[in-house]
N, C-alpha and C. Protein backbone atom coordinates (compact mmCIF):
# COMPACT_ATOMS: atom_id res chain seq x y z
N UNK A 1 0.84 -1.20 0.00
CA UNK A 1 0.00 0.00 0.00
C UNK A 1 0.88 1.26 0.00
N UNK A 2 0.47 2.20 -0.82
CA UNK A 2 1.15 3.50 -0.83
C UNK A 2 0.10 4.61 -0.91
N UNK A 3 0.56 5.83 -0.75
CA UNK A 3 -0.35 6.98 -0.80
C UNK A 3 0.09 7.92 -1.91
N UNK A 4 -0.88 8.47 -2.61
CA UNK A 4 -0.63 9.48 -3.63
C UNK A 4 -1.44 10.72 -3.29
N UNK A 5 -0.76 11.85 -3.22
CA UNK A 5 -1.42 13.13 -3.00
C UNK A 5 -1.48 13.89 -4.32
N UNK A 6 -2.65 14.35 -4.68
CA UNK A 6 -2.83 15.21 -5.84
C UNK A 6 -3.28 16.58 -5.31
N UNK A 7 -2.57 17.62 -5.71
CA UNK A 7 -2.87 18.94 -5.14
C UNK A 7 -2.72 20.04 -6.17
N UNK A 8 -3.43 21.14 -5.94
CA UNK A 8 -3.18 22.33 -6.75
C UNK A 8 -3.34 23.58 -5.88
N UNK A 9 -2.65 24.63 -6.32
CA UNK A 9 -2.65 25.89 -5.58
C UNK A 9 -3.88 26.70 -5.96
N UNK A 10 -4.61 27.15 -4.94
CA UNK A 10 -5.79 28.01 -5.15
C UNK A 10 -5.32 29.47 -5.26
N UNK A 11 -5.81 30.15 -6.28
CA UNK A 11 -5.47 31.56 -6.54
C UNK A 11 -4.01 31.75 -7.00
N UNK A 12 -3.44 30.73 -7.60
CA UNK A 12 -2.03 30.80 -8.00
C UNK A 12 -1.75 31.93 -8.99
N UNK A 13 -2.76 32.29 -9.79
CA UNK A 13 -2.55 33.34 -10.79
C UNK A 13 -2.57 34.74 -10.18
N UNK A 14 -3.06 34.82 -8.95
CA UNK A 14 -3.15 36.13 -8.30
C UNK A 14 -1.85 36.51 -7.57
N UNK A 15 -0.96 35.55 -7.42
CA UNK A 15 0.32 35.79 -6.74
C UNK A 15 1.44 35.33 -7.66
N UNK A 16 2.48 36.13 -7.80
CA UNK A 16 3.59 35.78 -8.67
C UNK A 16 4.21 34.45 -8.25
N UNK A 17 4.45 33.54 -9.22
CA UNK A 17 5.09 32.27 -8.88
C UNK A 17 6.48 32.44 -8.28
N UNK A 18 7.09 33.59 -8.54
CA UNK A 18 8.40 33.86 -7.94
C UNK A 18 8.31 33.93 -6.41
N UNK A 19 7.11 34.21 -5.91
CA UNK A 19 6.90 34.30 -4.46
C UNK A 19 6.65 32.92 -3.86
N UNK A 20 5.70 32.17 -4.45
CA UNK A 20 5.27 30.92 -3.81
C UNK A 20 5.98 29.67 -4.30
N UNK A 21 6.44 29.67 -5.55
CA UNK A 21 7.02 28.43 -6.10
C UNK A 21 8.29 27.98 -5.38
N UNK A 22 9.25 28.88 -5.11
CA UNK A 22 10.46 28.44 -4.37
C UNK A 22 10.13 27.91 -2.98
N UNK A 23 9.14 28.51 -2.32
CA UNK A 23 8.74 28.07 -0.97
C UNK A 23 8.13 26.68 -1.04
N UNK A 24 7.27 26.47 -2.03
CA UNK A 24 6.63 25.16 -2.20
C UNK A 24 7.67 24.09 -2.56
N UNK A 25 8.56 24.43 -3.49
CA UNK A 25 9.56 23.44 -3.91
C UNK A 25 10.52 23.08 -2.78
N UNK A 26 10.84 24.04 -1.94
CA UNK A 26 11.70 23.76 -0.78
C UNK A 26 11.04 22.71 0.12
N UNK A 27 9.74 22.86 0.34
CA UNK A 27 9.01 21.90 1.17
C UNK A 27 8.92 20.54 0.49
N UNK A 28 8.69 20.54 -0.81
CA UNK A 28 8.62 19.29 -1.56
C UNK A 28 9.96 18.57 -1.56
N UNK A 29 11.04 19.31 -1.67
CA UNK A 29 12.38 18.70 -1.63
C UNK A 29 12.68 18.08 -0.27
N UNK A 30 12.05 18.63 0.77
CA UNK A 30 12.23 18.05 2.11
C UNK A 30 11.48 16.72 2.22
N UNK A 31 10.45 16.55 1.40
CA UNK A 31 9.68 15.31 1.39
C UNK A 31 10.43 14.21 0.63
N UNK A 32 11.07 14.58 -0.48
CA UNK A 32 11.80 13.59 -1.27
C UNK A 32 12.30 14.18 -2.58
N UNK A 33 12.78 13.31 -3.46
CA UNK A 33 13.38 13.75 -4.72
C UNK A 33 12.31 14.06 -5.77
N UNK A 34 12.60 15.09 -6.56
CA UNK A 34 11.70 15.46 -7.65
C UNK A 34 11.61 14.31 -8.66
N UNK A 35 10.45 14.15 -9.22
CA UNK A 35 10.08 13.14 -10.22
C UNK A 35 9.83 11.76 -9.62
N UNK A 36 10.69 11.28 -8.69
CA UNK A 36 10.45 9.96 -8.12
C UNK A 36 9.51 10.03 -6.91
N UNK A 37 9.56 11.14 -6.15
CA UNK A 37 8.70 11.31 -4.98
C UNK A 37 7.62 12.36 -5.24
N UNK A 38 7.96 13.40 -5.97
CA UNK A 38 6.98 14.44 -6.30
C UNK A 38 7.25 14.99 -7.69
N UNK A 39 6.19 15.50 -8.29
CA UNK A 39 6.32 16.08 -9.63
C UNK A 39 5.27 17.17 -9.81
N UNK A 40 5.70 18.31 -10.31
CA UNK A 40 4.78 19.40 -10.60
C UNK A 40 4.34 19.33 -12.06
N UNK A 41 3.10 19.75 -12.31
CA UNK A 41 2.58 19.77 -13.67
C UNK A 41 1.58 20.92 -13.79
N UNK A 42 1.33 21.36 -14.98
CA UNK A 42 0.40 22.48 -15.27
C UNK A 42 0.76 23.74 -14.50
N UNK A 43 1.97 23.84 -14.03
CA UNK A 43 2.43 25.07 -13.39
C UNK A 43 2.10 25.22 -11.92
N UNK A 44 0.89 24.77 -11.53
CA UNK A 44 0.50 24.98 -10.13
C UNK A 44 -0.09 23.74 -9.47
N UNK A 45 0.16 22.57 -10.08
CA UNK A 45 -0.34 21.31 -9.54
C UNK A 45 0.82 20.38 -9.22
N UNK A 46 0.59 19.47 -8.29
CA UNK A 46 1.67 18.57 -7.87
C UNK A 46 1.10 17.22 -7.47
N UNK A 47 1.87 16.17 -7.74
CA UNK A 47 1.55 14.84 -7.22
C UNK A 47 2.73 14.36 -6.39
N UNK A 48 2.40 13.69 -5.30
CA UNK A 48 3.41 13.22 -4.35
C UNK A 48 3.12 11.77 -4.01
N UNK A 49 4.17 10.95 -3.93
CA UNK A 49 4.04 9.59 -3.43
C UNK A 49 4.67 9.53 -2.05
N UNK A 50 3.93 8.98 -1.10
CA UNK A 50 4.46 8.81 0.25
C UNK A 50 3.84 7.55 0.86
N UNK A 51 4.11 7.29 2.12
CA UNK A 51 3.50 6.14 2.78
C UNK A 51 2.11 6.52 3.29
N UNK A 52 1.20 5.56 3.40
CA UNK A 52 -0.12 5.86 3.92
C UNK A 52 -0.08 6.52 5.31
N UNK A 53 0.85 6.08 6.16
CA UNK A 53 0.94 6.61 7.51
C UNK A 53 1.28 8.09 7.52
N UNK A 54 2.11 8.53 6.56
CA UNK A 54 2.58 9.92 6.54
C UNK A 54 1.76 10.82 5.61
N UNK A 55 0.76 10.26 4.95
CA UNK A 55 0.04 11.03 3.94
C UNK A 55 -0.65 12.26 4.51
N UNK A 56 -1.33 12.11 5.65
CA UNK A 56 -2.05 13.25 6.22
C UNK A 56 -1.08 14.27 6.80
N UNK A 57 0.02 13.80 7.40
CA UNK A 57 1.07 14.71 7.86
C UNK A 57 1.54 15.59 6.71
N UNK A 58 1.80 14.94 5.58
CA UNK A 58 2.29 15.63 4.39
C UNK A 58 1.29 16.69 3.93
N UNK A 59 0.01 16.34 3.94
CA UNK A 59 -1.03 17.28 3.51
C UNK A 59 -1.09 18.50 4.43
N UNK A 60 -1.00 18.27 5.73
CA UNK A 60 -1.08 19.37 6.69
C UNK A 60 0.15 20.28 6.60
N UNK A 61 1.31 19.68 6.38
CA UNK A 61 2.53 20.47 6.21
C UNK A 61 2.43 21.36 4.97
N UNK A 62 1.93 20.80 3.87
CA UNK A 62 1.76 21.59 2.65
C UNK A 62 0.76 22.72 2.87
N UNK A 63 -0.32 22.41 3.57
CA UNK A 63 -1.34 23.43 3.85
C UNK A 63 -0.74 24.56 4.67
N UNK A 64 0.01 24.21 5.72
CA UNK A 64 0.58 25.24 6.59
C UNK A 64 1.70 26.01 5.90
N UNK A 65 2.30 25.42 4.88
CA UNK A 65 3.33 26.12 4.10
C UNK A 65 2.69 27.14 3.17
N UNK A 66 1.71 26.68 2.39
CA UNK A 66 1.08 27.55 1.39
C UNK A 66 0.27 28.67 2.05
N UNK A 67 -0.38 28.37 3.17
CA UNK A 67 -1.22 29.38 3.83
C UNK A 67 -0.41 30.51 4.46
N UNK A 68 0.90 30.36 4.51
CA UNK A 68 1.74 31.46 4.99
C UNK A 68 1.86 32.58 3.97
N UNK A 69 1.47 32.27 2.73
CA UNK A 69 1.54 33.26 1.65
C UNK A 69 0.16 33.89 1.48
N UNK A 70 0.03 35.19 1.69
CA UNK A 70 -1.28 35.84 1.61
C UNK A 70 -2.01 35.53 0.31
N UNK A 71 -3.32 35.28 0.43
CA UNK A 71 -4.24 35.04 -0.69
C UNK A 71 -4.12 33.67 -1.33
N UNK A 72 -3.22 32.81 -0.83
CA UNK A 72 -3.08 31.48 -1.42
C UNK A 72 -3.65 30.40 -0.50
N UNK A 73 -4.06 29.30 -1.12
CA UNK A 73 -4.48 28.11 -0.39
C UNK A 73 -4.14 26.91 -1.28
N UNK A 74 -4.41 25.72 -0.80
CA UNK A 74 -4.10 24.53 -1.57
C UNK A 74 -5.21 23.50 -1.38
N UNK A 75 -5.56 22.82 -2.47
CA UNK A 75 -6.51 21.71 -2.41
C UNK A 75 -5.71 20.42 -2.51
N UNK A 76 -6.05 19.45 -1.66
CA UNK A 76 -5.26 18.22 -1.61
C UNK A 76 -6.19 17.01 -1.53
N UNK A 77 -5.94 16.02 -2.38
CA UNK A 77 -6.67 14.76 -2.33
C UNK A 77 -5.68 13.62 -2.08
N UNK A 78 -5.99 12.79 -1.11
CA UNK A 78 -5.14 11.66 -0.75
C UNK A 78 -5.79 10.38 -1.25
N UNK A 79 -5.03 9.58 -1.96
CA UNK A 79 -5.50 8.26 -2.40
C UNK A 79 -4.61 7.18 -1.84
N UNK A 80 -5.21 6.15 -1.26
CA UNK A 80 -4.46 5.03 -0.70
C UNK A 80 -4.75 3.78 -1.53
N UNK A 81 -3.70 3.03 -1.83
CA UNK A 81 -3.87 1.79 -2.60
C UNK A 81 -2.53 1.31 -3.11
N UNK A 82 -2.57 0.31 -3.95
CA UNK A 82 -1.34 -0.22 -4.52
C UNK A 82 -0.88 0.65 -5.69
N UNK A 83 0.43 0.70 -5.91
CA UNK A 83 1.00 1.27 -7.13
C UNK A 83 1.54 0.09 -7.94
N UNK A 84 0.85 -0.22 -9.01
CA UNK A 84 1.18 -1.43 -9.76
C UNK A 84 2.29 -1.21 -10.79
N UNK A 85 2.47 0.07 -11.18
CA UNK A 85 3.57 0.38 -12.11
C UNK A 85 4.28 1.62 -11.62
N UNK A 86 5.56 1.49 -11.35
CA UNK A 86 6.35 2.61 -10.83
C UNK A 86 7.42 2.98 -11.85
N UNK A 87 7.29 4.18 -12.40
CA UNK A 87 8.24 4.68 -13.39
C UNK A 87 9.23 5.64 -12.73
N UNK A 88 10.21 6.10 -13.52
CA UNK A 88 11.15 7.10 -13.03
C UNK A 88 10.44 8.42 -12.75
N UNK A 89 9.30 8.61 -13.40
CA UNK A 89 8.50 9.81 -13.19
C UNK A 89 7.13 9.41 -12.64
N UNK A 90 6.64 10.20 -11.69
CA UNK A 90 5.34 9.93 -11.10
C UNK A 90 4.25 9.96 -12.18
N UNK A 91 4.37 10.89 -13.11
CA UNK A 91 3.34 11.06 -14.15
C UNK A 91 3.19 9.84 -15.03
N UNK A 92 4.20 8.98 -15.05
CA UNK A 92 4.13 7.77 -15.87
C UNK A 92 3.83 6.53 -15.03
N UNK A 93 3.60 6.71 -13.73
CA UNK A 93 3.29 5.59 -12.84
C UNK A 93 1.78 5.37 -12.80
N UNK A 94 1.38 4.21 -12.26
CA UNK A 94 -0.05 3.89 -12.25
C UNK A 94 -0.38 2.94 -11.11
N UNK A 95 -1.69 2.85 -10.84
CA UNK A 95 -2.15 1.95 -9.80
C UNK A 95 -3.35 2.52 -9.07
N UNK A 96 -3.90 1.75 -8.14
CA UNK A 96 -5.12 2.14 -7.43
C UNK A 96 -4.93 3.41 -6.60
N UNK A 97 -3.73 3.61 -6.06
CA UNK A 97 -3.48 4.82 -5.28
C UNK A 97 -3.68 6.07 -6.13
N UNK A 98 -3.25 6.03 -7.38
CA UNK A 98 -3.44 7.16 -8.30
C UNK A 98 -4.91 7.34 -8.65
N UNK A 99 -5.59 6.21 -8.89
CA UNK A 99 -7.02 6.27 -9.23
C UNK A 99 -7.82 6.87 -8.08
N UNK A 100 -7.54 6.38 -6.87
CA UNK A 100 -8.25 6.89 -5.69
C UNK A 100 -7.96 8.37 -5.46
N UNK A 101 -6.72 8.77 -5.66
CA UNK A 101 -6.35 10.18 -5.49
C UNK A 101 -7.08 11.06 -6.50
N UNK A 102 -7.13 10.60 -7.74
CA UNK A 102 -7.83 11.35 -8.79
C UNK A 102 -9.32 11.46 -8.52
N UNK A 103 -9.92 10.36 -8.06
CA UNK A 103 -11.36 10.37 -7.75
C UNK A 103 -11.66 11.32 -6.58
N UNK A 104 -10.81 11.27 -5.56
CA UNK A 104 -10.99 12.17 -4.41
C UNK A 104 -10.83 13.62 -4.84
N UNK A 105 -9.88 13.88 -5.72
CA UNK A 105 -9.65 15.25 -6.19
C UNK A 105 -10.83 15.76 -7.00
N UNK A 106 -11.39 14.89 -7.84
CA UNK A 106 -12.52 15.30 -8.68
C UNK A 106 -13.76 15.66 -7.88
N UNK A 107 -13.89 15.09 -6.69
CA UNK A 107 -15.08 15.38 -5.89
C UNK A 107 -14.83 16.41 -4.79
N UNK A 108 -13.68 17.06 -4.82
CA UNK A 108 -13.36 18.06 -3.79
C UNK A 108 -14.39 19.19 -3.74
N UNK A 109 -14.76 19.69 -4.90
CA UNK A 109 -15.68 20.81 -4.93
C UNK A 109 -15.11 22.00 -4.18
N UNK A 110 -15.86 22.51 -3.20
CA UNK A 110 -15.39 23.64 -2.40
C UNK A 110 -14.53 23.20 -1.22
N UNK A 111 -14.46 21.89 -0.99
CA UNK A 111 -13.59 21.37 0.07
C UNK A 111 -12.13 21.50 -0.36
N UNK A 112 -11.23 21.45 0.60
CA UNK A 112 -9.80 21.57 0.25
C UNK A 112 -8.98 20.35 0.67
N UNK A 113 -9.63 19.35 1.27
CA UNK A 113 -8.90 18.15 1.68
C UNK A 113 -9.84 16.96 1.66
N UNK A 114 -9.46 15.91 0.93
CA UNK A 114 -10.30 14.72 0.83
C UNK A 114 -9.42 13.48 0.77
N UNK A 115 -10.02 12.34 1.06
CA UNK A 115 -9.27 11.08 1.05
C UNK A 115 -10.15 9.96 0.50
N UNK A 116 -9.52 9.03 -0.18
CA UNK A 116 -10.21 7.82 -0.63
C UNK A 116 -9.27 6.64 -0.44
N UNK A 117 -9.76 5.62 0.24
CA UNK A 117 -8.98 4.42 0.51
C UNK A 117 -9.79 3.20 0.08
N UNK A 118 -9.24 2.00 0.21
CA UNK A 118 -10.03 0.81 -0.10
C UNK A 118 -11.07 0.48 0.97
N UNK A 119 -11.09 1.24 2.06
CA UNK A 119 -11.96 0.90 3.21
C UNK A 119 -13.04 1.97 3.39
N UNK A 120 -14.26 1.69 2.95
CA UNK A 120 -15.33 2.67 2.95
C UNK A 120 -15.70 3.16 4.35
N UNK A 121 -15.74 2.25 5.33
CA UNK A 121 -16.09 2.64 6.70
C UNK A 121 -15.08 3.64 7.25
N UNK A 122 -13.81 3.40 6.98
CA UNK A 122 -12.76 4.31 7.44
C UNK A 122 -12.90 5.66 6.73
N UNK A 123 -13.15 5.61 5.43
CA UNK A 123 -13.31 6.85 4.65
C UNK A 123 -14.43 7.72 5.22
N UNK A 124 -15.52 7.08 5.62
CA UNK A 124 -16.67 7.84 6.12
C UNK A 124 -16.30 8.60 7.39
N UNK A 125 -15.60 7.93 8.30
CA UNK A 125 -15.22 8.56 9.57
C UNK A 125 -14.17 9.65 9.37
N UNK A 126 -13.10 9.31 8.65
CA UNK A 126 -12.00 10.27 8.50
C UNK A 126 -12.42 11.47 7.65
N UNK A 127 -13.34 11.27 6.72
CA UNK A 127 -13.81 12.39 5.89
C UNK A 127 -14.55 13.42 6.72
N UNK A 128 -15.34 12.95 7.69
CA UNK A 128 -16.03 13.88 8.59
C UNK A 128 -15.01 14.67 9.40
N UNK A 129 -13.97 13.98 9.88
CA UNK A 129 -12.92 14.64 10.66
C UNK A 129 -12.17 15.67 9.82
N UNK A 130 -11.89 15.33 8.57
CA UNK A 130 -11.16 16.25 7.69
C UNK A 130 -12.01 17.46 7.33
N UNK A 131 -13.30 17.23 7.12
CA UNK A 131 -14.19 18.36 6.82
C UNK A 131 -14.21 19.35 7.97
N UNK A 132 -14.25 18.84 9.19
CA UNK A 132 -14.24 19.70 10.37
C UNK A 132 -12.89 20.42 10.52
N UNK A 133 -11.81 19.68 10.27
CA UNK A 133 -10.47 20.26 10.40
C UNK A 133 -10.25 21.39 9.39
N UNK A 134 -10.74 21.18 8.17
CA UNK A 134 -10.51 22.21 7.14
C UNK A 134 -11.36 23.46 7.37
N UNK A 135 -12.44 23.34 8.13
CA UNK A 135 -13.19 24.54 8.49
C UNK A 135 -12.28 25.52 9.23
N UNK A 136 -11.37 24.96 10.02
CA UNK A 136 -10.40 25.79 10.75
C UNK A 136 -9.21 26.14 9.86
N UNK A 137 -8.63 25.15 9.18
CA UNK A 137 -7.41 25.37 8.39
C UNK A 137 -7.62 26.35 7.24
N UNK A 138 -8.81 26.32 6.65
CA UNK A 138 -9.09 27.24 5.54
C UNK A 138 -9.06 28.70 5.98
N UNK A 139 -9.28 28.93 7.27
CA UNK A 139 -9.31 30.30 7.80
C UNK A 139 -7.98 30.73 8.43
N UNK A 140 -6.95 29.89 8.34
CA UNK A 140 -5.65 30.28 8.88
C UNK A 140 -5.17 31.57 8.23
N UNK A 141 -4.73 32.50 9.05
CA UNK A 141 -4.00 33.67 8.56
C UNK A 141 -2.53 33.28 8.41
N UNK A 142 -1.76 34.02 7.58
CA UNK A 142 -0.35 33.66 7.37
C UNK A 142 0.44 33.47 8.66
N UNK A 143 0.25 34.35 9.64
CA UNK A 143 1.00 34.24 10.90
C UNK A 143 0.59 32.98 11.66
N UNK A 144 -0.68 32.64 11.62
CA UNK A 144 -1.16 31.42 12.29
C UNK A 144 -0.57 30.18 11.64
N UNK A 145 -0.53 30.17 10.30
CA UNK A 145 0.04 29.03 9.58
C UNK A 145 1.52 28.88 9.90
N UNK A 146 2.21 30.00 10.01
CA UNK A 146 3.65 29.97 10.33
C UNK A 146 3.89 29.38 11.72
N UNK A 147 3.12 29.83 12.69
CA UNK A 147 3.27 29.34 14.07
C UNK A 147 2.87 27.87 14.16
N UNK A 148 1.77 27.50 13.50
CA UNK A 148 1.33 26.10 13.47
C UNK A 148 2.45 25.21 12.93
N UNK A 149 3.02 25.60 11.80
CA UNK A 149 4.04 24.78 11.15
C UNK A 149 5.30 24.67 12.02
N UNK A 150 5.69 25.75 12.66
CA UNK A 150 6.89 25.72 13.50
C UNK A 150 6.69 24.79 14.69
N UNK A 151 5.51 24.87 15.31
CA UNK A 151 5.22 23.98 16.44
C UNK A 151 5.12 22.54 15.96
N UNK A 152 4.59 22.35 14.76
CA UNK A 152 4.47 21.01 14.17
C UNK A 152 5.86 20.41 13.96
N UNK A 153 6.77 21.22 13.47
CA UNK A 153 8.13 20.75 13.21
C UNK A 153 8.90 20.47 14.51
N UNK A 154 8.51 21.19 15.57
CA UNK A 154 9.18 21.03 16.86
C UNK A 154 8.14 20.79 17.95
N UNK A 155 7.53 19.62 17.94
CA UNK A 155 6.40 19.37 18.86
C UNK A 155 6.78 19.43 20.34
N UNK A 156 8.05 19.19 20.64
CA UNK A 156 8.48 19.21 22.04
C UNK A 156 8.85 20.62 22.52
N UNK A 157 8.97 21.54 21.58
CA UNK A 157 9.39 22.90 21.94
C UNK A 157 8.29 23.62 22.72
N UNK A 158 8.69 24.40 23.70
CA UNK A 158 7.74 25.19 24.48
C UNK A 158 7.37 26.44 23.70
N UNK A 159 6.22 26.99 24.04
CA UNK A 159 5.73 28.17 23.32
C UNK A 159 6.71 29.34 23.40
N UNK A 160 7.38 29.47 24.51
CA UNK A 160 8.35 30.56 24.66
C UNK A 160 9.51 30.40 23.68
N UNK A 161 9.86 29.13 23.39
CA UNK A 161 10.94 28.85 22.43
C UNK A 161 10.49 29.15 21.01
N UNK A 162 9.26 28.77 20.70
CA UNK A 162 8.69 29.07 19.38
C UNK A 162 8.61 30.58 19.18
N UNK A 163 8.18 31.28 20.22
CA UNK A 163 8.05 32.74 20.15
C UNK A 163 9.40 33.40 19.89
N UNK A 164 10.41 32.92 20.59
CA UNK A 164 11.76 33.49 20.42
C UNK A 164 12.28 33.24 19.01
N UNK A 165 12.06 32.04 18.51
CA UNK A 165 12.55 31.68 17.18
C UNK A 165 11.88 32.49 16.08
N UNK A 166 10.60 32.79 16.27
CA UNK A 166 9.84 33.53 15.25
C UNK A 166 9.78 35.03 15.55
N UNK A 167 10.44 35.43 16.63
CA UNK A 167 10.46 36.84 17.03
C UNK A 167 9.04 37.37 17.25
N UNK A 168 8.27 36.58 18.02
CA UNK A 168 6.90 36.96 18.33
C UNK A 168 6.69 36.89 19.84
N UNK A 169 5.62 37.47 20.31
CA UNK A 169 5.27 37.37 21.73
C UNK A 169 4.71 35.98 22.02
N UNK A 170 4.99 35.49 23.24
CA UNK A 170 4.46 34.19 23.61
C UNK A 170 2.94 34.18 23.57
N UNK A 171 2.34 35.29 23.95
CA UNK A 171 0.87 35.38 23.94
C UNK A 171 0.31 35.22 22.53
N UNK A 172 1.06 35.73 21.53
CA UNK A 172 0.64 35.58 20.13
C UNK A 172 0.73 34.12 19.68
N UNK A 173 1.81 33.46 20.13
CA UNK A 173 1.99 32.04 19.80
C UNK A 173 0.87 31.21 20.42
N UNK A 174 0.59 31.46 21.69
CA UNK A 174 -0.46 30.74 22.39
C UNK A 174 -1.82 30.94 21.72
N UNK A 175 -2.13 32.19 21.39
CA UNK A 175 -3.39 32.52 20.73
C UNK A 175 -3.50 31.83 19.38
N UNK A 176 -2.43 31.90 18.60
CA UNK A 176 -2.44 31.34 17.24
C UNK A 176 -2.58 29.83 17.26
N UNK A 177 -1.91 29.16 18.19
CA UNK A 177 -2.00 27.71 18.27
C UNK A 177 -3.42 27.28 18.64
N UNK A 178 -4.04 28.02 19.55
CA UNK A 178 -5.41 27.71 19.93
C UNK A 178 -6.37 28.00 18.79
N UNK A 179 -6.21 29.16 18.16
CA UNK A 179 -7.09 29.57 17.07
C UNK A 179 -6.93 28.67 15.84
N UNK A 180 -5.72 28.16 15.63
CA UNK A 180 -5.44 27.32 14.46
C UNK A 180 -5.90 25.87 14.66
N UNK A 181 -6.37 25.54 15.86
CA UNK A 181 -6.83 24.18 16.12
C UNK A 181 -5.71 23.17 16.22
N UNK A 182 -4.54 23.62 16.69
CA UNK A 182 -3.35 22.76 16.69
C UNK A 182 -3.60 21.43 17.39
N UNK A 183 -4.08 21.48 18.63
CA UNK A 183 -4.27 20.24 19.40
C UNK A 183 -5.32 19.34 18.76
N UNK A 184 -6.41 19.94 18.29
CA UNK A 184 -7.49 19.15 17.69
C UNK A 184 -7.04 18.48 16.39
N UNK A 185 -6.29 19.22 15.58
CA UNK A 185 -5.79 18.66 14.32
C UNK A 185 -4.77 17.57 14.60
N UNK A 186 -3.93 17.79 15.60
CA UNK A 186 -2.95 16.78 15.99
C UNK A 186 -3.65 15.50 16.45
N UNK A 187 -4.73 15.64 17.19
CA UNK A 187 -5.50 14.47 17.64
C UNK A 187 -6.09 13.71 16.46
N UNK A 188 -6.59 14.45 15.48
CA UNK A 188 -7.17 13.81 14.29
C UNK A 188 -6.11 13.05 13.51
N UNK A 189 -4.92 13.63 13.40
CA UNK A 189 -3.83 12.98 12.67
C UNK A 189 -3.33 11.75 13.42
N UNK A 190 -3.27 11.83 14.74
CA UNK A 190 -2.87 10.68 15.55
C UNK A 190 -3.84 9.53 15.34
N UNK A 191 -5.14 9.86 15.33
CA UNK A 191 -6.16 8.84 15.07
C UNK A 191 -5.97 8.24 13.68
N UNK A 192 -5.77 9.10 12.68
CA UNK A 192 -5.58 8.64 11.31
C UNK A 192 -4.39 7.69 11.21
N UNK A 193 -3.26 8.09 11.77
CA UNK A 193 -2.05 7.25 11.70
C UNK A 193 -2.30 5.87 12.29
N UNK A 194 -2.92 5.85 13.47
CA UNK A 194 -3.15 4.59 14.17
C UNK A 194 -4.07 3.67 13.37
N UNK A 195 -5.16 4.22 12.86
CA UNK A 195 -6.14 3.39 12.15
C UNK A 195 -5.63 2.94 10.78
N UNK A 196 -4.93 3.83 10.07
CA UNK A 196 -4.46 3.46 8.73
C UNK A 196 -3.36 2.41 8.83
N UNK A 197 -2.59 2.48 9.90
CA UNK A 197 -1.54 1.46 10.10
C UNK A 197 -2.18 0.09 10.35
N UNK A 198 -3.24 0.07 11.14
CA UNK A 198 -3.96 -1.19 11.40
C UNK A 198 -4.50 -1.77 10.10
N UNK A 199 -5.14 -0.91 9.30
CA UNK A 199 -5.76 -1.35 8.06
C UNK A 199 -4.73 -1.86 7.04
N UNK A 200 -3.62 -1.13 6.93
CA UNK A 200 -2.60 -1.51 5.96
C UNK A 200 -1.87 -2.80 6.36
N UNK A 201 -1.86 -3.07 7.65
CA UNK A 201 -1.15 -4.27 8.14
C UNK A 201 -2.06 -5.49 8.27
N UNK A 202 -3.36 -5.26 8.12
CA UNK A 202 -4.31 -6.38 8.32
C UNK A 202 -4.41 -7.25 7.08
């Protein structure tokens, strides 16, 4: 089992790619190598291959990265399944993970995060959780996204340390983490990781 993320940048034409593209590519390079792990197409779309366990982490990291840029957002669809043909380029690979990712992306509509797996009961539960989570994530301001991502990258760091690193007041960090739904989103991801690991190993 593997995971495929299909994503595109919302409002990409309203912001110069010179602003957002280097930031996005830096994050993608941290995930893995271009073409074998991720590939951009149509200028503002990307596909990523990762493990099912890390798929939602990857989506949230991308969301918190893109939302730091004013007026931008990202739509992401996660597909879980087998990859039956793996090429040197993601665009030439195939399998159920790609099909599920494409189907989830096609039904996104006004939503910005969706998932499709081989397990319908799991999809029903996690989709409700993701819909609730994106109600909060879609409203992240750039500063909130920045603080969320920094705390995400350093989960053991205290708020005073995050504040110092970002040159912000601790009260601002505390407010932003609460307003961004940090604990609630973390709980949802912990649930996702645990359940998807059970399903993939069963």
